[in-house]
């Protein structure tokens, strides 16, 4: 979590790839962004709990990636913006 000058907390998600040293994806998630995500995804946690729960979910996905019938999965879809 980072705190901005107006005392707003943001979660900064950074994704890297051990096999690709040039891959870096960053995504700041503000408390306002989280509220929208919470409604869209039907999340039952608050913003303060979100970072640890997100890490826990990624760890579950990692543990089950070689399973024949995984209960959890992860997928990153990058959409190039036209600006």
Protein backbone atom coordinates (compact mmCIF):
# COMPACT_ATOMS: atom_id res chain seq x y z
CA UNK A 1 0.00 0.00 0.00
CA UNK A 2 1.17 3.52 -0.74
CA UNK A 3 -0.17 6.78 0.62
CA UNK A 4 -0.63 9.71 -1.74
CA UNK A 5 -0.15 13.34 -0.70
CA UNK A 6 -3.87 13.70 0.09
CA UNK A 7 -3.68 10.72 2.49
CA UNK A 8 -5.46 8.40 0.08
CA UNK A 9 -4.25 4.81 0.14
CA UNK A 10 -3.51 2.98 -3.09
CA UNK A 11 -2.53 -0.61 -3.70
CA UNK A 12 0.27 -0.89 -6.26
CA UNK A 13 0.25 -4.29 -7.97
CA UNK A 14 3.52 -5.18 -9.74
CA UNK A 15 3.79 -8.32 -11.84
CA UNK A 16 7.09 -9.68 -13.12
CA UNK A 17 8.16 -12.83 -14.94
CA UNK A 18 11.20 -14.79 -13.78
CA UNK A 19 11.71 -16.05 -17.34
CA UNK A 20 11.45 -12.59 -18.96
CA UNK A 21 13.56 -9.85 -17.34
CA UNK A 22 11.90 -7.21 -19.54
CA UNK A 23 8.37 -7.94 -18.39
CA UNK A 24 6.93 -5.56 -15.80
CA UNK A 25 3.25 -4.77 -15.35
CA UNK A 26 2.09 -2.26 -12.75
CA UNK A 27 -1.45 -1.41 -11.72
CA UNK A 28 -2.35 1.14 -9.06
CA UNK A 29 -5.70 0.40 -7.39
CA UNK A 30 -7.20 3.25 -5.39
CA UNK A 31 -9.85 2.83 -2.71
CA UNK A 32 -12.38 4.18 -5.22
CA UNK A 33 -11.24 1.65 -7.85
CA UNK A 34 -11.55 -1.10 -5.26
CA UNK A 35 -15.15 -0.15 -4.44
CA UNK A 36 -16.05 -0.50 -8.12
CA UNK A 37 -14.19 -3.83 -8.33
CA UNK A 38 -15.91 -5.01 -5.15
CA UNK A 39 -19.35 -4.39 -6.66
CA UNK A 40 -18.45 -5.91 -10.05
CA UNK A 41 -16.89 -9.05 -8.56
CA UNK A 42 -19.13 -9.42 -5.52
CA UNK A 43 -16.18 -9.23 -3.11
CA UNK A 44 -16.96 -9.59 0.58
CA UNK A 45 -13.80 -7.97 1.97
CA UNK A 46 -12.79 -4.38 2.63
CA UNK A 47 -9.94 -2.44 1.05
CA UNK A 48 -7.60 -2.98 4.02
CA UNK A 49 -7.95 -6.78 3.72
CA UNK A 50 -7.70 -6.85 -0.07
CA UNK A 51 -3.87 -6.89 -0.51
CA UNK A 52 -3.35 -10.00 1.65
CA UNK A 53 -6.39 -11.80 0.21
CA UNK A 54 -5.14 -11.03 -3.31
CA UNK A 55 -1.73 -12.54 -2.44
CA UNK A 56 -3.44 -15.58 -0.87
CA UNK A 57 -5.48 -16.12 -4.04
CA UNK A 58 -2.40 -15.87 -6.27
CA UNK A 59 -0.63 -18.40 -4.05
CA UNK A 60 -3.60 -20.79 -4.37
CA UNK A 61 -3.47 -20.41 -8.16
CA UNK A 62 0.25 -21.11 -8.15
CA UNK A 63 -0.15 -24.24 -6.02
CA UNK A 64 -2.82 -25.64 -8.32
CA UNK A 65 -1.34 -24.73 -11.71
CA UNK A 66 -0.12 -28.30 -12.35
CA UNK A 67 -3.27 -29.96 -10.99
CA UNK A 68 -5.49 -32.00 -13.32
CA UNK A 69 -8.59 -30.32 -11.86
CA UNK A 70 -7.54 -26.92 -10.48
CA UNK A 71 -10.09 -24.99 -8.46
CA UNK A 72 -8.28 -21.70 -9.04
CA UNK A 73 -6.59 -20.22 -12.10
CA UNK A 74 -5.03 -16.96 -13.18
CA UNK A 75 -4.85 -15.19 -16.50
CA UNK A 76 -3.34 -11.85 -17.45
CA UNK A 77 -4.84 -10.21 -20.51
CA UNK A 78 -3.05 -7.11 -21.72
CA UNK A 79 -5.09 -4.73 -23.83
CA UNK A 80 -3.11 -2.11 -25.70
CA UNK A 81 -4.68 1.30 -25.37
CA UNK A 82 -4.69 3.58 -28.36
CA UNK A 83 -3.53 6.94 -27.07
